[in-house]
C-alpha atoms as a PDB file:
ATOM      1  CA  MET A   1     -33.296 -94.492  25.017  1.00  0.00           C
ATOM      2  CA  CYS A   2     -36.988 -94.890  25.938  1.00  0.00           C
ATOM      3  CA  MET A   3     -39.062 -97.584  24.458  1.00  0.00           C
ATOM      4  CA  CYS A   4     -42.429 -97.492  26.754  1.00  0.00           C
ATOM      5  CA  VAL A   5     -45.030-100.074  26.287  1.00  0.00           C
ATOM      6  CA  ARG A   6     -48.345 -98.195  27.153  1.00  0.00           C
ATOM      7  CA  GLN A   7     -50.814-100.212  25.555  1.00  0.00           C
ATOM      8  CA  ALA A   8     -51.206-103.930  24.243  1.00  0.00           C
ATOM      9  CA  ARG A   9     -54.085-106.113  23.026  1.00  0.00           C
ATOM     10  CA  LEU A  10     -55.734-108.514  25.050  1.00  0.00           C
ATOM     11  CA  SER A  11     -56.172-111.773  22.874  1.00  0.00           C
ATOM     12  CA  ALA A  12     -59.293-113.438  24.976  1.00  0.00           C
ATOM     13  CA  ASP A  13     -61.742-110.602  24.244  1.00  0.00           C
ATOM     14  CA  ASN A  14     -60.071-108.395  21.694  1.00  0.00           C
ATOM     15  CA  SER A  15     -59.829-105.798  23.837  1.00  0.00           C
ATOM     16  CA  LEU A  16     -56.956-103.061  24.847  1.00  0.00           C
ATOM     17  CA  LEU A  17     -54.691-102.325  27.980  1.00  0.00           C
ATOM     18  CA  ILE A  18     -53.924 -98.707  27.593  1.00  0.00           C
ATOM     19  CA  ALA A  19     -52.067 -96.710  30.571  1.00  0.00           C
ATOM     20  CA  PRO A  20     -53.881 -93.843  31.987  1.00  0.00           C
ATOM     21  CA  ARG A  21     -53.428 -90.435  31.062  1.00  0.00           C
ATOM     22  CA  GLY A  22     -51.793 -88.176  33.683  1.00  0.00           C
ATOM     23  CA  LEU A  23     -49.238 -90.964  35.239  1.00  0.00           C
ATOM     24  CA  MET A  24     -45.310 -90.697  34.124  1.00  0.00           C
ATOM     25  CA  HIS A  25     -44.099 -93.697  32.364  1.00  0.00           C
ATOM     26  CA  ASP A  26     -42.396 -94.987  35.664  1.00  0.00           C
ATOM     27  CA  GLU A  27     -45.948 -94.622  37.644  1.00  0.00           C
ATOM     28  CA  VAL A  28     -47.782 -97.177  35.759  1.00  0.00           C
ATOM     29  CA  THR A  29     -48.693-100.404  37.297  1.00  0.00           C
ATOM     30  CA  ALA A  30     -50.472-103.205  35.880  1.00  0.00           C
ATOM     31  CA  SER A  31     -53.328-102.609  38.136  1.00  0.00           C
ATOM     32  CA  SER A  32     -53.586 -98.921  36.886  1.00  0.00           C
ATOM     33  CA  LEU A  33     -54.051 -99.991  33.013  1.00  0.00           C
ATOM     34  CA  VAL A  34     -57.501 -98.993  31.780  1.00  0.00           C
ATOM     35  CA  LYS A  35     -59.295-101.784  29.761  1.00  0.00           C
ATOM     36  CA  VAL A  36     -60.776-100.568  26.280  1.00  0.00           C
ATOM     37  CA  ASP A  37     -62.861-101.964  23.503  1.00  0.00           C
ATOM     38  CA  MET A  38     -61.740-101.536  20.258  1.00  0.00           C
ATOM     39  CA  GLN A  39     -64.172 -98.584  20.033  1.00  0.00           C
ATOM     40  CA  GLY A  40     -62.163 -96.851  22.894  1.00  0.00           C
ATOM     41  CA  SER A  41     -65.205 -96.808  25.294  1.00  0.00           C
ATOM     42  CA  VAL A  42     -63.643 -98.029  28.809  1.00  0.00           C
ATOM     43  CA  ILE A  43     -64.489-101.461  29.897  1.00  0.00           C
ATOM     44  CA  ASP A  44     -62.567-101.219  33.264  1.00  0.00           C
ATOM     45  CA  ASP A  45     -61.296 -98.185  34.764  1.00  0.00           C
ATOM     46  CA  GLY A  46     -58.088 -99.766  36.606  1.00  0.00           C
ATOM     47  CA  THR A  47     -57.210 -98.243  39.872  1.00  0.00           C
ATOM     48  CA  THR A  48     -57.015 -94.903  38.898  1.00  0.00           C
ATOM     49  CA  THR A  49     -59.797 -92.466  37.540  1.00  0.00           C
ATOM     50  CA  PHE A  50     -57.686 -90.469  35.213  1.00  0.00           C
ATOM     51  CA  GLY A  51     -59.041 -92.142  31.934  1.00  0.00           C
ATOM     52  CA  VAL A  52     -57.152 -92.762  28.680  1.00  0.00           C
ATOM     53  CA  ASP A  53     -56.692 -90.299  25.932  1.00  0.00           C
ATOM     54  CA  ASP A  54     -59.218 -90.833  23.370  1.00  0.00           C
ATOM     55  CA  ALA A  55     -57.126 -90.177  20.310  1.00  0.00           C
ATOM     56  CA  ALA A  56     -54.519 -92.228  21.340  1.00  0.00           C
ATOM     57  CA  ALA A  57     -57.172 -95.299  21.998  1.00  0.00           C
ATOM     58  CA  SER A  58     -58.549 -94.569  18.575  1.00  0.00           C
ATOM     59  CA  LEU A  59     -55.171 -94.756  16.749  1.00  0.00           C
ATOM     60  CA  HIS A  60     -53.944 -97.749  18.666  1.00  0.00           C
ATOM     61  CA  ALA A  61     -57.545 -99.592  17.919  1.00  0.00           C
ATOM     62  CA  ALA A  62     -56.945 -99.028  14.160  1.00  0.00           C
ATOM     63  CA  VAL A  63     -53.391-100.397  14.141  1.00  0.00           C
ATOM     64  CA  TYR A  64     -54.580-103.435  16.138  1.00  0.00           C
ATOM     65  CA  SER A  65     -57.854-103.540  13.813  1.00  0.00           C
ATOM     66  CA  ALA A  66     -55.785-103.916  10.714  1.00  0.00           C
ATOM     67  CA  SER A  67     -54.162-107.170  11.837  1.00  0.00           C
ATOM     68  CA  ASN A  68     -55.260-109.712  14.275  1.00  0.00           C
ATOM     69  CA  SER A  69     -51.386-110.546  14.686  1.00  0.00           C
ATOM     70  CA  VAL A  70     -50.389-107.271  16.086  1.00  0.00           C
ATOM     71  CA  MET A  71     -50.684-107.824  19.986  1.00  0.00           C
ATOM     72  CA  CYS A  72     -48.299-104.756  21.062  1.00  0.00           C
ATOM     73  CA  VAL A  73     -47.180-101.215  19.582  1.00  0.00           C
ATOM     74  CA  LEU A  74     -43.954 -99.631  20.739  1.00  0.00           C
ATOM     75  CA  HIS A  75     -43.189 -96.256  21.090  1.00  0.00           C
ATOM     76  CA  ILE A  76     -39.745 -95.318  20.715  1.00  0.00           C
ATOM     77  CA  ALA A  77     -38.624 -91.822  21.789  1.00  0.00           C
ATOM     78  CA  SER A  78     -34.640 -91.622  21.068  1.00  0.00           C
ATOM     79  CA  PRO A  79     -33.122 -88.161  20.366  1.00  0.00           C
ATOM     80  CA  ALA A  80     -32.717 -89.690  16.384  1.00  0.00           C
ATOM     81  CA  VAL A  81     -36.526 -90.554  16.205  1.00  0.00           C
ATOM     82  CA  LEU A  82     -37.695 -87.247  18.040  1.00  0.00           C
ATOM     83  CA  SER A  83     -35.397 -85.068  15.604  1.00  0.00           C
ATOM     84  CA  VAL A  84     -37.495 -86.742  12.433  1.00  0.00           C
END
């Protein structure tokens, strides 16, 4: 089973850290994370120039905006979940 955190909310300024598009899960490092605001606009590119998936950033921002208590969304990719 793969459980990958590719984004998380920063409580200090209500922004998100998102893994850049184009990196495999095991290639993502803390310094490569891209910081975006709740509208999906890039605040800090991190150490890459890959950018982020705009659709994913918008979806994550919508989930975070729904509740201030949500700090992280997990993506679960197990065979059972993928089959559904």
